[in-house]
C-alpha atoms as a PDB file:
ATOM      1  CA  MET A   1      -0.007   0.004  -0.013  1.00  0.00           C
ATOM      2  CA  ASN A   2       1.580   3.282  -1.049  1.00  0.00           C
ATOM      3  CA  LEU A   3       1.432   6.591   0.750  1.00  0.00           C
ATOM      4  CA  ILE A   4      -1.536   7.945  -1.227  1.00  0.00           C
ATOM      5  CA  ASP A   5      -3.642   4.895  -0.382  1.00  0.00           C
ATOM      6  CA  ARG A   6      -2.786   5.252   3.307  1.00  0.00           C
ATOM      7  CA  LEU A   7      -3.798   8.896   3.281  1.00  0.00           C
ATOM      8  CA  LEU A   8      -7.100   8.072   1.622  1.00  0.00           C
ATOM      9  CA  VAL A   9      -7.847   5.355   4.178  1.00  0.00           C
ATOM     10  CA  LYS A  10      -7.026   7.790   6.968  1.00  0.00           C
ATOM     11  CA  ALA A  11      -9.248  10.433   5.355  1.00  0.00           C
ATOM     12  CA  GLN A  12     -12.143   7.994   5.099  1.00  0.00           C
ATOM     13  CA  THR A  13     -11.660   7.045   8.759  1.00  0.00           C
ATOM     14  CA  ILE A  14     -11.740  10.719   9.732  1.00  0.00           C
ATOM     15  CA  GLN A  15     -14.899  11.176   7.687  1.00  0.00           C
ATOM     16  CA  LEU A  16     -16.609   8.247   9.401  1.00  0.00           C
ATOM     17  CA  THR A  17     -15.554   9.476  12.859  1.00  0.00           C
ATOM     18  CA  TYR A  18     -16.465  13.132  12.522  1.00  0.00           C
ATOM     19  CA  GLY A  19     -19.427  12.762  10.182  1.00  0.00           C
ATOM     20  CA  ASN A  20     -20.600  15.758   8.158  1.00  0.00           C
ATOM     21  CA  ASP A  21     -17.667  18.043   9.078  1.00  0.00           C
ATOM     22  CA  VAL A  22     -15.218  16.289   6.732  1.00  0.00           C
ATOM     23  CA  PHE A  23     -15.364  16.465   2.924  1.00  0.00           C
ATOM     24  CA  ILE A  24     -13.100  14.607   0.509  1.00  0.00           C
ATOM     25  CA  ILE A  25     -12.635  16.093  -2.958  1.00  0.00           C
ATOM     26  CA  ILE A  26     -11.242  13.442  -5.315  1.00  0.00           C
ATOM     27  CA  ARG A  27      -9.590  13.971  -8.681  1.00  0.00           C
ATOM     28  CA  GLU A  28     -11.022  11.653 -11.323  1.00  0.00           C
ATOM     29  CA  VAL A  29     -10.293  10.984 -14.992  1.00  0.00           C
ATOM     30  CA  ALA A  30     -12.745  13.674 -16.125  1.00  0.00           C
ATOM     31  CA  GLY A  31     -13.053  16.271 -13.384  1.00  0.00           C
ATOM     32  CA  TRP A  32     -13.516  16.125  -9.617  1.00  0.00           C
ATOM     33  CA  ALA A  33     -15.953  14.326  -7.310  1.00  0.00           C
ATOM     34  CA  VAL A  34     -17.474  15.147  -3.919  1.00  0.00           C
ATOM     35  CA  ASP A  35     -20.125  12.977  -2.220  1.00  0.00           C
ATOM     36  CA  GLY A  36     -20.709  11.104  -5.469  1.00  0.00           C
ATOM     37  CA  GLN A  37     -21.324  14.253  -7.517  1.00  0.00           C
ATOM     38  CA  ARG A  38     -18.969  15.170 -10.366  1.00  0.00           C
ATOM     39  CA  PHE A  39     -17.666  18.654 -11.189  1.00  0.00           C
ATOM     40  CA  PRO A  40     -15.638  19.894 -14.191  1.00  0.00           C
ATOM     41  CA  ASP A  41     -12.968  21.664 -12.107  1.00  0.00           C
ATOM     42  CA  LEU A  42     -11.651  21.993  -8.552  1.00  0.00           C
ATOM     43  CA  GLU A  43     -13.181  25.435  -8.007  1.00  0.00           C
ATOM     44  CA  ALA A  44     -16.687  24.106  -8.726  1.00  0.00           C
ATOM     45  CA  ALA A  45     -16.151  21.244  -6.272  1.00  0.00           C
ATOM     46  CA  GLN A  46     -14.909  23.665  -3.593  1.00  0.00           C
ATOM     47  CA  GLY A  47     -17.913  25.909  -4.227  1.00  0.00           C
ATOM     48  CA  TYR A  48     -20.201  22.932  -3.715  1.00  0.00           C
ATOM     49  CA  VAL A  49     -18.530  22.098  -0.381  1.00  0.00           C
ATOM     50  CA  GLU A  50     -18.737  25.738   0.755  1.00  0.00           C
ATOM     51  CA  GLY A  51     -22.440  25.689  -0.101  1.00  0.00           C
ATOM     52  CA  LEU A  52     -22.967  22.642   2.117  1.00  0.00           C
ATOM     53  CA  VAL A  53     -21.210  24.092   5.156  1.00  0.00           C
ATOM     54  CA  PRO A  54     -23.363  26.477   7.194  1.00  0.00           C
ATOM     55  CA  ASP A  55     -21.845  29.904   7.871  1.00  0.00           C
ATOM     56  CA  ASN A  56     -21.909  29.458  11.658  1.00  0.00           C
ATOM     57  CA  ASN A  57     -19.912  26.193  11.493  1.00  0.00           C
ATOM     58  CA  ALA A  58     -16.272  27.273  11.761  1.00  0.00           C
ATOM     59  CA  GLU A  59     -14.826  23.772  12.034  1.00  0.00           C
ATOM     60  CA  CYS A  60     -14.881  21.893   8.759  1.00  0.00           C
ATOM     61  CA  THR A  61     -12.174  19.738   7.204  1.00  0.00           C
ATOM     62  CA  VAL A  62     -11.735  19.538   3.439  1.00  0.00           C
ATOM     63  CA  ILE A  63      -9.347  16.902   2.100  1.00  0.00           C
ATOM     64  CA  ILE A  64      -8.287  17.281  -1.523  1.00  0.00           C
ATOM     65  CA  ASN A  65      -6.950  14.181  -3.283  1.00  0.00           C
ATOM     66  CA  ASP A  66      -5.277  15.611  -6.359  1.00  0.00           C
ATOM     67  CA  ALA A  67      -3.274  12.503  -7.234  1.00  0.00           C
ATOM     68  CA  PRO A  68      -4.058  11.252 -10.715  1.00  0.00           C
ATOM     69  CA  PRO A  69      -6.361   8.239 -10.782  1.00  0.00           C
ATOM     70  CA  SER A  70      -4.614   4.924 -11.049  1.00  0.00           C
ATOM     71  CA  PRO A  71      -4.908   3.137 -14.375  1.00  0.00           C
ATOM     72  CA  ALA A  72      -7.243   0.212 -14.681  1.00  0.00           C
ATOM     73  CA  PRO A  73      -5.572  -3.130 -14.016  1.00  0.00           C
ATOM     74  CA  GLU A  74      -4.607  -5.204 -17.028  1.00  0.00           C
ATOM     75  CA  PRO A  75      -6.634  -8.308 -17.796  1.00  0.00           C
ATOM     76  CA  GLU A  76      -5.050 -11.556 -16.701  1.00  0.00           C
ATOM     77  CA  SER A  77      -4.760 -12.762 -20.294  1.00  0.00           C
ATOM     78  CA  VAL A  78      -2.566  -9.776 -21.210  1.00  0.00           C
ATOM     79  CA  GLN A  79      -0.371 -10.422 -18.142  1.00  0.00           C
ATOM     80  CA  ARG A  80       0.038 -14.081 -19.111  1.00  0.00           C
ATOM     81  CA  LYS A  81       0.908 -13.142 -22.726  1.00  0.00           C
ATOM     82  CA  ARG A  82       3.497 -10.593 -21.558  1.00  0.00           C
ATOM     83  CA  ARG A  83       4.979 -13.097 -19.125  1.00  0.00           C
ATOM     84  CA  LYS A  84       5.345 -15.719 -21.896  1.00  0.00           C
ATOM     85  CA  GLN A  85       7.037 -13.122 -24.084  1.00  0.00           C
ATOM     86  CA  TRP A  86       9.501 -12.198 -21.310  1.00  0.00           C
ATOM     87  CA  ILE A  87      10.270 -15.874 -20.686  1.00  0.00           C
ATOM     88  CA  ALA A  88      10.891 -16.476 -24.398  1.00  0.00           C
ATOM     89  CA  GLU A  89      13.204 -13.421 -24.599  1.00  0.00           C
ATOM     90  CA  TYR A  90      15.082 -14.572 -21.487  1.00  0.00           C
ATOM     91  CA  LYS A  91      15.563 -18.069 -22.905  1.00  0.00           C
ATOM     92  CA  ALA A  92      16.807 -16.660 -26.220  1.00  0.00           C
ATOM     93  CA  GLU A  93      19.322 -14.365 -24.484  1.00  0.00           C
ATOM     94  CA  LYS A  94      20.508 -17.209 -22.253  1.00  0.00           C
ATOM     95  CA  ALA A  95      20.970 -19.580 -25.231  1.00  0.00           C
ATOM     96  CA  LYS A  96      22.855 -16.873 -27.154  1.00  0.00           C
ATOM     97  CA  ALA A  97      25.144 -16.239 -24.177  1.00  0.00           C
ATOM     98  CA  GLU A  98      25.920 -19.974 -23.803  1.00  0.00           C
ATOM     99  CA  ASN A  99      26.617 -20.518 -27.520  1.00  0.00           C
ATOM    100  CA  PRO A 100      27.634 -17.307 -29.327  1.00  0.00           C
ATOM    101  CA  LEU A 101      28.093 -19.112 -32.692  1.00  0.00           C
ATOM    102  CA  PRO A 102      25.172 -19.125 -35.109  1.00  0.00           C
ATOM    103  CA  PRO A 103      23.329 -22.455 -35.310  1.00  0.00           C
ATOM    104  CA  MET A 104      24.336 -24.889 -38.049  1.00  0.00           C
ATOM    105  CA  PRO A 105      21.981 -24.978 -41.007  1.00  0.00           C
ATOM    106  CA  LYS A 106      19.709 -27.991 -41.106  1.00  0.00           C
ATOM    107  CA  LYS A 107      20.311 -30.492 -43.846  1.00  0.00           C
ATOM    108  CA  ASP A 108      17.647 -30.846 -46.475  1.00  0.00           C
ATOM    109  CA  ARG A 109      16.916 -34.545 -46.825  1.00  0.00           C
ATOM    110  CA  ASN A 110      15.155 -34.044 -50.138  1.00  0.00           C
ATOM    111  CA  LEU A 111      18.434 -33.304 -51.935  1.00  0.00           C
ATOM    112  CA  ILE A 112      19.921 -36.696 -51.215  1.00  0.00           C
END
């Protein structure tokens, strides 16, 4: 678990503990999201949060996650194909290192 994931888990724990006084603004592929609603830019998301907070409530925490969203995981078939390719390349390099001479041409039995 990297540092960003730890911060997000901590932010969600804070949100569950303190309830409505904590807002998490999350950067997504196309815009920003707060409480399941999407906004085109950060200023619009901040304006939405400011509209939710009453003027007499001085204590409010806003957490902004501006890290780019992580890419979607690759399908397992693509991972298997890439792994087979790496193994084939490794075997070819290893064989070339063990025998640097080019392989002997195969005899054509039809000429005999």
